[in-house]
């Protein structure tokens, strides 16, 4: 099958206790979405890290990344207090993609949770709308530091996507 026939969506999920970090790399449109679950900020205004800045800094710091992601952009970044709200954001993005793009698309999932667990939690598009290829979770993916964990998770996400490519 020619390379242009199959598009990829790379969904990466890392978590530590009740903190979650999702990144969604949409290959067909070269866009990246971040969704952060931080229950410590539930009901308060989020102390939001500018993930576009972290993404750009990571590209500058790691050899080979700037070239790989030269035409990519951070389309959105969401900060929520509940996992269910994060899954709604991702589900909406997957459905939006499916409506606009009729090309064959494979979701590459890297998460400590199974596809079925994510589907039952609210990501109904997984398995129903897209074939899913699971990647194993890397050592240290779910070891978030106590402070500045969002920046750490973002950086790990970008580096992990680079290794997967």
N, C-alpha and C. Protein backbone atom coordinates (compact mmCIF):
# COMPACT_ATOMS: atom_id res chain seq x y z
N UNK A 1 0.85 -1.18 0.00
CA UNK A 1 0.00 0.00 0.00
C UNK A 1 0.89 1.24 0.00
N UNK A 2 0.66 2.16 -0.91
CA UNK A 2 1.46 3.38 -0.93
C UNK A 2 1.32 4.15 0.38
N UNK A 3 2.39 4.83 0.75
CA UNK A 3 2.43 5.56 2.02
C UNK A 3 1.31 6.59 2.15
N UNK A 4 0.91 7.21 1.05
CA UNK A 4 -0.12 8.24 1.08
C UNK A 4 -1.52 7.69 1.36
N UNK A 5 -1.69 6.38 1.23
CA UNK A 5 -3.02 5.78 1.38
C UNK A 5 -3.46 5.64 2.84
N UNK A 6 -2.53 5.56 3.76
CA UNK A 6 -2.87 5.34 5.16
C UNK A 6 -2.36 6.50 6.00
N UNK A 7 -3.26 7.15 6.69
CA UNK A 7 -2.91 8.25 7.58
C UNK A 7 -2.85 7.72 9.01
N UNK A 8 -2.09 8.41 9.84
CA UNK A 8 -1.94 8.00 11.23
C UNK A 8 -2.40 9.09 12.18
N UNK A 9 -3.00 8.65 13.25
CA UNK A 9 -3.25 9.51 14.41
C UNK A 9 -2.54 8.82 15.56
N UNK A 10 -1.64 9.53 16.19
CA UNK A 10 -0.88 8.98 17.30
C UNK A 10 -1.47 9.55 18.58
N UNK A 11 -2.06 8.69 19.40
CA UNK A 11 -2.66 9.10 20.67
C UNK A 11 -1.80 8.57 21.80
N UNK A 12 -1.20 9.49 22.53
CA UNK A 12 -0.33 9.12 23.63
C UNK A 12 -0.97 9.56 24.93
N UNK A 13 -0.99 8.66 25.90
CA UNK A 13 -1.60 8.92 27.19
C UNK A 13 -0.64 8.48 28.28
N UNK A 14 -0.25 9.40 29.12
CA UNK A 14 0.55 9.04 30.29
C UNK A 14 -0.18 9.55 31.52
N UNK A 15 0.01 8.86 32.62
CA UNK A 15 -0.69 9.26 33.83
C UNK A 15 0.07 8.80 35.07
N UNK A 16 -0.14 9.53 36.13
CA UNK A 16 0.42 9.22 37.43
C UNK A 16 -0.63 9.60 38.45
N UNK A 17 -1.11 8.59 39.15
CA UNK A 17 -2.23 8.77 40.09
C UNK A 17 -3.41 9.33 39.33
N UNK A 18 -3.88 10.49 39.68
CA UNK A 18 -5.06 11.05 39.00
C UNK A 18 -4.71 12.19 38.05
N UNK A 19 -3.44 12.34 37.74
CA UNK A 19 -2.99 13.33 36.76
C UNK A 19 -2.77 12.63 35.43
N UNK A 20 -3.31 13.20 34.36
CA UNK A 20 -3.21 12.59 33.03
C UNK A 20 -2.71 13.62 32.02
N UNK A 21 -1.97 13.12 31.04
CA UNK A 21 -1.49 13.96 29.95
C UNK A 21 -1.76 13.21 28.65
N UNK A 22 -2.57 13.82 27.78
CA UNK A 22 -2.88 13.24 26.48
C UNK A 22 -2.27 14.13 25.39
N UNK A 23 -1.72 13.48 24.38
CA UNK A 23 -1.31 14.21 23.18
C UNK A 23 -1.85 13.45 21.98
N UNK A 24 -2.36 14.20 21.05
CA UNK A 24 -2.99 13.64 19.85
C UNK A 24 -2.29 14.25 18.64
N UNK A 25 -1.52 13.44 17.93
CA UNK A 25 -0.80 13.88 16.74
C UNK A 25 -1.61 13.46 15.52
N UNK A 26 -2.13 14.42 14.77
CA UNK A 26 -2.96 14.12 13.61
C UNK A 26 -2.11 14.35 12.36
N UNK A 27 -1.63 13.25 11.81
CA UNK A 27 -0.68 13.27 10.71
C UNK A 27 -1.23 13.94 9.45
N UNK A 28 -2.48 13.69 9.12
CA UNK A 28 -3.04 14.19 7.86
C UNK A 28 -3.04 15.71 7.79
N UNK A 29 -3.20 16.38 8.92
CA UNK A 29 -3.26 17.85 8.93
C UNK A 29 -2.08 18.46 9.67
N UNK A 30 -1.16 17.60 10.14
CA UNK A 30 0.07 18.04 10.83
C UNK A 30 -0.26 18.93 12.03
N UNK A 31 -1.25 18.47 12.82
CA UNK A 31 -1.67 19.21 14.01
C UNK A 31 -1.53 18.34 15.25
N UNK A 32 -1.31 19.03 16.35
CA UNK A 32 -1.09 18.39 17.63
C UNK A 32 -2.01 19.01 18.66
N UNK A 33 -2.70 18.17 19.43
CA UNK A 33 -3.58 18.63 20.49
C UNK A 33 -3.07 18.08 21.82
N UNK A 34 -3.11 18.90 22.86
CA UNK A 34 -2.74 18.47 24.20
C UNK A 34 -3.96 18.60 25.09
N UNK A 35 -4.19 17.60 25.94
CA UNK A 35 -5.25 17.66 26.94
C UNK A 35 -4.64 17.23 28.27
N UNK A 36 -4.77 18.09 29.28
CA UNK A 36 -4.18 17.86 30.59
C UNK A 36 -5.28 17.72 31.63
N UNK A 37 -5.20 16.66 32.44
CA UNK A 37 -6.10 16.49 33.58
C UNK A 37 -5.30 16.76 34.83
N UNK A 38 -5.71 17.80 35.54
CA UNK A 38 -5.03 18.18 36.77
C UNK A 38 -6.08 18.40 37.86
N UNK A 39 -6.45 17.34 38.59
CA UNK A 39 -7.51 17.47 39.60
C UNK A 39 -7.17 18.45 40.72
N UNK A 40 -5.90 18.72 40.93
CA UNK A 40 -5.51 19.67 41.98
C UNK A 40 -6.06 21.06 41.70
N UNK A 41 -6.35 21.33 40.46
CA UNK A 41 -6.85 22.65 40.06
C UNK A 41 -8.36 22.64 39.81
N UNK A 42 -9.02 21.53 40.11
CA UNK A 42 -10.46 21.42 39.87
C UNK A 42 -11.20 22.54 40.60
N UNK A 43 -12.04 23.23 39.86
CA UNK A 43 -12.81 24.32 40.46
C UNK A 43 -12.04 25.61 40.60
N UNK A 44 -10.79 25.61 40.23
CA UNK A 44 -9.96 26.82 40.29
C UNK A 44 -9.50 27.14 38.87
N UNK A 45 -9.05 28.34 38.68
CA UNK A 45 -8.47 28.63 37.37
C UNK A 45 -7.15 27.87 37.27
N UNK A 46 -6.94 27.25 36.16
CA UNK A 46 -5.75 26.44 35.96
C UNK A 46 -4.51 27.32 35.85
N UNK A 47 -3.44 26.83 36.44
CA UNK A 47 -2.14 27.42 36.18
C UNK A 47 -1.66 26.73 34.91
N UNK A 48 -1.88 27.37 33.79
CA UNK A 48 -1.66 26.72 32.51
C UNK A 48 -0.25 26.97 31.99
N UNK A 49 0.40 25.87 31.68
CA UNK A 49 1.70 25.92 31.03
C UNK A 49 1.42 26.13 29.54
N UNK A 50 2.14 27.01 28.91
CA UNK A 50 1.97 27.20 27.47
C UNK A 50 2.67 26.04 26.76
N UNK A 51 1.89 25.08 26.33
CA UNK A 51 2.46 23.87 25.75
C UNK A 51 3.04 24.11 24.36
N UNK A 52 2.60 25.16 23.68
CA UNK A 52 3.24 25.53 22.41
C UNK A 52 4.69 25.89 22.66
N UNK A 53 4.95 26.62 23.73
CA UNK A 53 6.32 27.01 24.10
C UNK A 53 7.14 25.79 24.47
N UNK A 54 6.59 24.89 25.27
CA UNK A 54 7.30 23.67 25.66
C UNK A 54 7.61 22.82 24.43
N UNK A 55 6.63 22.70 23.52
CA UNK A 55 6.81 21.96 22.29
C UNK A 55 7.98 22.54 21.49
N UNK A 56 7.99 23.85 21.31
CA UNK A 56 9.05 24.52 20.55
C UNK A 56 10.41 24.35 21.22
N UNK A 57 10.45 24.48 22.54
CA UNK A 57 11.72 24.31 23.27
C UNK A 57 12.25 22.88 23.12
N UNK A 58 11.35 21.91 23.17
CA UNK A 58 11.76 20.51 23.01
C UNK A 58 12.33 20.28 21.62
N UNK A 59 11.73 20.88 20.61
CA UNK A 59 12.25 20.74 19.25
C UNK A 59 13.65 21.30 19.15
N UNK A 60 13.89 22.40 19.83
CA UNK A 60 15.21 23.03 19.80
C UNK A 60 16.25 22.22 20.57
N UNK A 61 15.82 21.53 21.63
CA UNK A 61 16.74 20.83 22.53
C UNK A 61 17.17 19.45 22.04
N UNK A 62 16.33 18.77 21.29
CA UNK A 62 16.60 17.39 20.90
C UNK A 62 16.93 17.33 19.42
N UNK A 63 18.10 16.82 19.11
CA UNK A 63 18.57 16.76 17.73
C UNK A 63 17.61 15.94 16.87
N UNK A 64 17.27 16.45 15.71
CA UNK A 64 16.41 15.76 14.77
C UNK A 64 14.94 16.12 14.87
N UNK A 65 14.52 16.67 16.01
CA UNK A 65 13.10 16.97 16.19
C UNK A 65 12.64 18.16 15.35
N UNK A 66 13.45 19.18 15.27
CA UNK A 66 13.04 20.39 14.54
C UNK A 66 12.71 20.07 13.09
N UNK A 67 13.49 19.23 12.48
CA UNK A 67 13.26 18.86 11.09
C UNK A 67 12.00 18.00 10.94
N UNK A 68 11.82 17.05 11.86
CA UNK A 68 10.65 16.17 11.80
C UNK A 68 9.34 16.94 11.98
N UNK A 69 9.32 17.90 12.88
CA UNK A 69 8.09 18.63 13.21
C UNK A 69 8.03 20.03 12.59
N UNK A 70 8.83 20.28 11.57
CA UNK A 70 8.92 21.62 10.99
C UNK A 70 7.58 22.19 10.56
N UNK A 71 6.70 21.36 10.02
CA UNK A 71 5.42 21.85 9.51
C UNK A 71 4.24 21.51 10.43
N UNK A 72 4.52 21.12 11.65
CA UNK A 72 3.46 20.81 12.63
C UNK A 72 3.12 22.05 13.44
N UNK A 73 1.87 22.08 13.94
CA UNK A 73 1.48 23.17 14.83
C UNK A 73 0.61 22.62 15.96
N UNK A 74 0.68 23.28 17.10
CA UNK A 74 -0.18 22.93 18.22
C UNK A 74 -1.54 23.57 17.95
N UNK A 75 -2.54 22.73 17.67
CA UNK A 75 -3.87 23.23 17.32
C UNK A 75 -4.66 23.63 18.56
N UNK A 76 -4.50 22.88 19.65
CA UNK A 76 -5.24 23.22 20.87
C UNK A 76 -4.56 22.64 22.08
N UNK A 77 -4.83 23.26 23.21
CA UNK A 77 -4.40 22.75 24.50
C UNK A 77 -5.52 23.00 25.50
N UNK A 78 -5.93 21.93 26.16
CA UNK A 78 -7.05 22.00 27.09
C UNK A 78 -6.59 21.56 28.47
N UNK A 79 -7.06 22.27 29.48
CA UNK A 79 -6.79 21.93 30.87
C UNK A 79 -8.12 21.66 31.54
N UNK A 80 -8.27 20.43 32.09
CA UNK A 80 -9.52 20.04 32.73
C UNK A 80 -9.22 19.42 34.09
N UNK A 81 -10.26 19.29 34.90
CA UNK A 81 -10.10 18.73 36.24
C UNK A 81 -10.48 17.27 36.35
N UNK A 82 -11.19 16.74 35.33
CA UNK A 82 -11.68 15.37 35.38
C UNK A 82 -11.26 14.60 34.13
N UNK A 83 -10.98 13.31 34.29
CA UNK A 83 -10.61 12.46 33.17
C UNK A 83 -11.74 12.42 32.14
N UNK A 84 -12.97 12.36 32.58
CA UNK A 84 -14.10 12.29 31.65
C UNK A 84 -14.15 13.52 30.74
N UNK A 85 -13.79 14.68 31.26
CA UNK A 85 -13.77 15.90 30.44
C UNK A 85 -12.65 15.83 29.39
N UNK A 86 -11.53 15.26 29.77
CA UNK A 86 -10.42 15.10 28.81
C UNK A 86 -10.82 14.16 27.68
N UNK A 87 -11.47 13.06 28.03
CA UNK A 87 -11.88 12.09 27.02
C UNK A 87 -12.92 12.69 26.08
N UNK A 88 -13.77 13.56 26.59
CA UNK A 88 -14.74 14.25 25.72
C UNK A 88 -14.02 15.14 24.71
N UNK A 89 -12.97 15.83 25.13
CA UNK A 89 -12.19 16.68 24.22
C UNK A 89 -11.56 15.83 23.11
N UNK A 90 -10.97 14.71 23.49
CA UNK A 90 -10.31 13.85 22.51
C UNK A 90 -11.33 13.21 21.58
N UNK A 91 -12.44 12.76 22.15
CA UNK A 91 -13.51 12.16 21.34
C UNK A 91 -14.02 13.16 20.30
N UNK A 92 -14.21 14.40 20.71
CA UNK A 92 -14.69 15.44 19.78
C UNK A 92 -13.69 15.65 18.65
N UNK A 93 -12.41 15.64 18.98
CA UNK A 93 -11.37 15.84 17.96
C UNK A 93 -11.34 14.66 16.97
N UNK A 94 -11.48 13.44 17.50
CA UNK A 94 -11.49 12.27 16.62
C UNK A 94 -12.71 12.28 15.70
N UNK A 95 -13.85 12.65 16.23
CA UNK A 95 -15.07 12.72 15.41
C UNK A 95 -14.95 13.82 14.34
N UNK A 96 -14.39 14.97 14.73
CA UNK A 96 -14.18 16.06 13.78
C UNK A 96 -13.27 15.60 12.64
N UNK A 97 -12.21 14.90 13.00
CA UNK A 97 -11.28 14.38 11.99
C UNK A 97 -12.02 13.43 11.05
N UNK A 98 -12.79 12.51 11.61
CA UNK A 98 -13.48 11.48 10.82
C UNK A 98 -14.47 12.12 9.84
N UNK A 99 -15.14 13.20 10.27
CA UNK A 99 -16.09 13.89 9.40
C UNK A 99 -15.40 14.58 8.23
N UNK A 100 -14.23 15.13 8.46
CA UNK A 100 -13.53 15.91 7.44
C UNK A 100 -12.61 15.08 6.56
N UNK A 101 -12.15 13.94 7.06
CA UNK A 101 -11.16 13.14 6.34
C UNK A 101 -11.70 11.74 6.11
N UNK A 102 -11.79 11.37 4.87
CA UNK A 102 -12.34 10.05 4.51
C UNK A 102 -11.23 9.05 4.20
N UNK A 103 -9.99 9.45 4.38
CA UNK A 103 -8.87 8.57 4.10
C UNK A 103 -8.79 7.46 5.15
N UNK A 104 -8.21 6.34 4.78
CA UNK A 104 -7.97 5.26 5.74
C UNK A 104 -7.03 5.79 6.81
N UNK A 105 -7.42 5.65 8.07
CA UNK A 105 -6.65 6.20 9.18
C UNK A 105 -6.53 5.17 10.29
N UNK A 106 -5.33 5.02 10.77
CA UNK A 106 -5.01 4.10 11.86
C UNK A 106 -4.66 4.93 13.09
N UNK A 107 -5.24 4.58 14.24
CA UNK A 107 -4.86 5.23 15.49
C UNK A 107 -3.78 4.38 16.14
N UNK A 108 -2.64 5.00 16.39
CA UNK A 108 -1.54 4.34 17.10
C UNK A 108 -1.66 4.81 18.55
N UNK A 109 -1.96 3.87 19.44
CA UNK A 109 -2.24 4.19 20.83
C UNK A 109 -1.09 3.75 21.73
N UNK A 110 -0.63 4.68 22.54
CA UNK A 110 0.38 4.36 23.54
C UNK A 110 -0.16 4.84 24.88
N UNK A 111 -0.61 3.88 25.69
CA UNK A 111 -1.25 4.20 26.96
C UNK A 111 -1.11 3.02 27.91
N UNK A 112 -1.08 3.32 29.19
CA UNK A 112 -1.08 2.27 30.21
C UNK A 112 -2.45 1.65 30.37
N UNK A 113 -3.46 2.27 29.77
CA UNK A 113 -4.82 1.73 29.79
C UNK A 113 -5.07 1.02 28.46
N UNK A 114 -5.90 0.00 28.49
CA UNK A 114 -6.20 -0.73 27.26
C UNK A 114 -7.15 0.10 26.40
N UNK A 115 -7.24 -0.27 25.14
CA UNK A 115 -8.17 0.38 24.22
C UNK A 115 -9.60 0.25 24.76
N UNK A 116 -9.92 -0.92 25.26
CA UNK A 116 -11.26 -1.15 25.80
C UNK A 116 -11.54 -0.27 27.01
N UNK A 117 -10.57 -0.12 27.91
CA UNK A 117 -10.75 0.75 29.08
C UNK A 117 -11.02 2.19 28.65
N UNK A 118 -10.25 2.67 27.68
CA UNK A 118 -10.46 4.04 27.20
C UNK A 118 -11.81 4.17 26.50
N UNK A 119 -12.18 3.16 25.75
CA UNK A 119 -13.47 3.18 25.05
C UNK A 119 -14.61 3.21 26.06
N UNK A 120 -14.56 2.38 27.08
CA UNK A 120 -15.61 2.35 28.10
C UNK A 120 -15.65 3.64 28.92
N UNK A 121 -14.52 4.31 29.00
CA UNK A 121 -14.45 5.57 29.76
C UNK A 121 -14.96 6.77 28.97
N UNK A 122 -15.16 6.61 27.66
CA UNK A 122 -15.70 7.71 26.88
C UNK A 122 -15.14 7.89 25.49
N UNK A 123 -14.09 7.19 25.14
CA UNK A 123 -13.52 7.31 23.79
C UNK A 123 -14.18 6.26 22.89
N UNK A 124 -15.43 6.48 22.54
CA UNK A 124 -16.17 5.48 21.77
C UNK A 124 -15.67 5.35 20.33
N UNK A 125 -14.99 6.37 19.82
CA UNK A 125 -14.45 6.30 18.45
C UNK A 125 -13.38 5.23 18.32
N UNK A 126 -12.66 4.98 19.42
CA UNK A 126 -11.65 3.92 19.37
C UNK A 126 -12.37 2.60 19.14
N UNK A 127 -11.88 1.82 18.27
CA UNK A 127 -12.42 0.53 17.86
C UNK A 127 -13.69 0.65 17.02
N UNK A 128 -14.58 1.60 17.32
CA UNK A 128 -15.81 1.75 16.53
C UNK A 128 -15.53 2.43 15.19
N UNK A 129 -14.68 3.43 15.18
CA UNK A 129 -14.44 4.24 13.99
C UNK A 129 -13.05 4.05 13.37
N UNK A 130 -12.10 3.61 14.19
CA UNK A 130 -10.72 3.51 13.73
C UNK A 130 -10.12 2.17 14.12
N UNK A 131 -9.31 1.60 13.24
CA UNK A 131 -8.50 0.47 13.70
C UNK A 131 -7.41 1.02 14.63
N UNK A 132 -7.02 0.23 15.62
CA UNK A 132 -6.07 0.70 16.63
C UNK A 132 -4.87 -0.23 16.68
N UNK A 133 -3.70 0.36 16.66
CA UNK A 133 -2.44 -0.35 16.85
C UNK A 133 -1.88 0.12 18.18
N UNK A 134 -1.64 -0.82 19.09
CA UNK A 134 -1.13 -0.44 20.42
C UNK A 134 0.40 -0.52 20.45
N UNK A 135 1.00 0.50 21.03
CA UNK A 135 2.43 0.48 21.32
C UNK A 135 2.60 0.28 22.81
N UNK A 136 3.66 -0.37 23.20
CA UNK A 136 3.90 -0.57 24.63
C UNK A 136 4.31 0.76 25.28
N UNK A 137 4.00 0.87 26.54
CA UNK A 137 4.37 2.06 27.31
C UNK A 137 5.85 1.96 27.63
N UNK A 138 6.54 3.07 27.55
CA UNK A 138 7.97 3.10 27.82
C UNK A 138 8.24 3.28 29.31
N UNK A 139 9.34 2.72 29.78
CA UNK A 139 9.73 2.91 31.18
C UNK A 139 9.83 4.40 31.47
N UNK A 140 9.28 4.80 32.58
CA UNK A 140 9.37 6.19 32.99
C UNK A 140 8.27 7.08 32.44
N UNK A 141 7.43 6.57 31.52
CA UNK A 141 6.38 7.40 30.95
C UNK A 141 5.40 7.91 31.99
N UNK A 142 5.15 7.10 32.99
CA UNK A 142 4.15 7.47 33.98
C UNK A 142 4.77 7.90 35.31
N UNK A 143 6.04 8.20 35.29
CA UNK A 143 6.72 8.73 36.48
C UNK A 143 6.80 10.24 36.37
N UNK A 144 5.79 10.91 36.87
CA UNK A 144 5.76 12.37 36.82
C UNK A 144 6.44 12.93 38.07
N UNK A 145 7.25 13.95 37.90
CA UNK A 145 7.76 14.62 39.09
C UNK A 145 6.62 15.37 39.79
N UNK A 146 6.80 15.65 41.05
CA UNK A 146 5.75 16.36 41.81
C UNK A 146 5.53 17.77 41.27
N UNK A 147 6.60 18.44 40.96
CA UNK A 147 6.50 19.81 40.45
C UNK A 147 6.82 19.84 38.96
N UNK A 148 6.19 20.73 38.25
CA UNK A 148 6.44 20.94 36.82
C UNK A 148 6.18 19.67 36.00
N UNK A 149 5.21 18.87 36.43
CA UNK A 149 4.93 17.60 35.77
C UNK A 149 4.36 17.77 34.37
N UNK A 150 3.62 18.85 34.14
CA UNK A 150 3.01 19.04 32.83
C UNK A 150 4.09 19.26 31.77
N UNK A 151 5.05 20.07 32.09
CA UNK A 151 6.16 20.32 31.15
C UNK A 151 6.93 19.00 30.88
N UNK A 152 7.16 18.24 31.94
CA UNK A 152 7.85 16.95 31.82
C UNK A 152 7.07 16.00 30.91
N UNK A 153 5.76 15.90 31.12
CA UNK A 153 4.92 14.99 30.33
C UNK A 153 4.88 15.42 28.86
N UNK A 154 4.83 16.71 28.62
CA UNK A 154 4.81 17.22 27.24
C UNK A 154 6.11 16.85 26.53
N UNK A 155 7.20 17.09 27.20
CA UNK A 155 8.51 16.78 26.61
C UNK A 155 8.64 15.29 26.30
N UNK A 156 8.22 14.43 27.24
CA UNK A 156 8.28 12.98 27.03
C UNK A 156 7.41 12.57 25.85
N UNK A 157 6.26 13.23 25.71
CA UNK A 157 5.35 12.92 24.62
C UNK A 157 6.00 13.19 23.26
N UNK A 158 6.60 14.33 23.13
CA UNK A 158 7.23 14.71 21.86
C UNK A 158 8.40 13.77 21.55
N UNK A 159 9.20 13.48 22.56
CA UNK A 159 10.34 12.57 22.35
C UNK A 159 9.87 11.15 22.00
N UNK A 160 8.80 10.71 22.64
CA UNK A 160 8.26 9.38 22.36
C UNK A 160 7.71 9.30 20.94
N UNK A 161 7.03 10.35 20.51
CA UNK A 161 6.49 10.36 19.14
C UNK A 161 7.65 10.31 18.13
N UNK A 162 8.71 11.01 18.42
CA UNK A 162 9.87 11.03 17.55
C UNK A 162 10.44 9.60 17.42
N UNK A 163 10.54 8.88 18.54
CA UNK A 163 11.07 7.51 18.51
C UNK A 163 10.14 6.57 17.75
N UNK A 164 8.83 6.82 17.81
CA UNK A 164 7.85 5.96 17.15
C UNK A 164 7.85 6.16 15.64
N UNK A 165 8.27 7.34 15.18
CA UNK A 165 8.24 7.64 13.75
C UNK A 165 9.29 6.88 13.03
